[in-house]
Amino acid sequence: MSNLGRPAFSGLIYFAAVFCAGLYFTFSAVQGDMGLFRRAEIQADRDALSVQLAALDKELAQMENLTRRLSDDYLDLDLLDQQARDVLGVMRADEIVVR
């Protein structure tokens, strides 16, 4: 009679081990280093960095435009006048400063 109880008990142990392994792998797939939550976090970081990259690209294009406009090959006199006023505090003789 003791032999009849053992197969049921070993089957129960096998089922518990498979169930625990399934729980472990499911938890790892959701919460692990490469799980679903981490993937969503990485995608959110990627989107934020893409927005930041677009802003930096726009700023770079503006700086390149200003640099080109002040180069020896192409000189924008209005921009040169603005830079002289901002950096050097220069003004024309016919202007009046109001503070």
Protein backbone atom coordinates (compact mmCIF):
# COMPACT_ATOMS: atom_id res chain seq x y z
CA MET A 1 0.00 0.00 0.00
CA SER A 2 2.90 2.36 0.53
CA ASN A 3 3.76 2.06 -3.19
CA LEU A 4 0.41 3.51 -4.17
CA GLY A 5 1.07 6.76 -2.28
CA ARG A 6 4.53 7.40 -3.75
CA PRO A 7 3.65 7.94 -7.41
CA ALA A 8 1.06 10.56 -6.44
CA PHE A 9 3.56 12.30 -4.17
CA SER A 10 6.33 12.30 -6.81
CA GLY A 11 3.84 13.62 -9.39
CA LEU A 12 2.93 16.39 -6.98
CA ILE A 13 6.60 17.26 -6.51
CA TYR A 14 7.13 17.25 -10.29
CA PHE A 15 4.08 19.51 -10.81
CA ALA A 16 5.27 21.91 -8.07
CA ALA A 17 8.77 22.09 -9.58
CA VAL A 18 7.41 22.79 -13.09
CA PHE A 19 4.98 25.36 -11.69
CA CYS A 20 7.78 27.14 -9.76
CA ALA A 21 10.02 27.14 -12.83
CA GLY A 22 7.17 28.59 -14.89
CA LEU A 23 6.60 31.30 -12.29
CA TYR A 24 10.31 32.13 -12.24
CA PHE A 25 10.55 32.45 -16.03
CA THR A 26 7.33 34.49 -16.19
CA PHE A 27 8.62 36.85 -13.51
CA SER A 28 11.94 37.18 -15.33
CA ALA A 29 10.20 37.90 -18.62
CA VAL A 30 8.23 40.74 -17.01
CA GLN A 31 10.57 42.15 -14.33
CA GLY A 32 14.03 40.99 -15.40
CA ASP A 33 16.91 42.98 -16.87
CA MET A 34 15.51 42.49 -20.37
CA GLY A 35 11.87 42.13 -19.34
CA LEU A 36 8.81 43.97 -20.56
CA PHE A 37 9.03 46.75 -17.98
CA ARG A 38 12.69 47.40 -18.75
CA ARG A 39 11.90 47.44 -22.48
CA ALA A 40 9.21 50.08 -21.94
CA GLU A 41 11.66 52.13 -19.87
CA ILE A 42 14.31 51.89 -22.61
CA GLN A 43 11.78 52.98 -25.25
CA ALA A 44 10.76 56.00 -23.13
CA ASP A 45 14.44 56.94 -22.73
CA ARG A 46 14.94 56.57 -26.47
CA ASP A 47 12.00 58.86 -27.21
CA ALA A 48 13.27 61.51 -24.76
CA LEU A 49 16.76 61.35 -26.27
CA SER A 50 15.31 61.65 -29.78
CA VAL A 51 13.54 64.87 -28.78
CA GLN A 52 16.77 66.15 -27.22
CA LEU A 53 18.71 65.23 -30.37
CA ALA A 54 16.23 67.11 -32.56
CA ALA A 55 16.62 70.22 -30.37
CA LEU A 56 20.42 69.97 -30.54
CA ASP A 57 20.31 69.51 -34.32
CA LYS A 58 18.20 72.66 -34.62
CA GLU A 59 20.62 74.59 -32.39
CA LEU A 60 23.57 73.31 -34.43
CA ALA A 61 21.93 74.42 -37.68
CA GLN A 62 21.39 77.90 -36.23
CA MET A 63 25.02 78.13 -35.11
CA GLU A 64 26.26 76.94 -38.50
CA ASN A 65 24.07 79.57 -40.16
CA LEU A 66 25.48 82.33 -37.94
CA THR A 67 29.02 81.12 -38.52
CA ARG A 68 28.51 81.06 -42.28
CA ARG A 69 26.98 84.55 -42.22
CA LEU A 70 30.04 85.93 -40.42
CA SER A 71 32.62 84.10 -42.56
CA ASP A 72 35.06 85.73 -44.96
CA ASP A 73 33.22 84.35 -48.00
CA TYR A 74 29.81 85.73 -47.02
CA LEU A 75 29.48 88.68 -44.63
CA ASP A 76 26.08 89.74 -43.33
CA LEU A 77 26.52 93.38 -42.29
CA ASP A 78 23.35 93.43 -40.18
CA LEU A 79 24.56 90.43 -38.17
CA LEU A 80 28.01 91.98 -37.84
CA ASP A 81 26.42 95.19 -36.56
CA GLN A 82 24.31 93.23 -34.06
CA GLN A 83 27.34 91.28 -32.79
CA ALA A 84 29.39 94.46 -32.41
CA ARG A 85 26.59 96.02 -30.36
CA ASP A 86 26.09 92.93 -28.17
CA VAL A 87 29.72 91.97 -27.57
CA LEU A 88 31.58 95.25 -27.71
CA GLY A 89 28.85 97.66 -26.67
CA VAL A 90 29.44 99.71 -29.83
CA MET A 91 26.86 102.19 -31.11
CA ARG A 92 26.65 104.61 -34.01
CA ALA A 93 27.32 108.30 -33.53
CA ASP A 94 23.76 109.30 -34.46
CA GLU A 95 22.08 107.00 -31.90
CA ILE A 96 20.76 107.97 -28.46
CA VAL A 97 20.89 105.47 -25.58
CA VAL A 98 17.81 105.34 -23.35
CA ARG A 99 18.16 103.55 -20.01
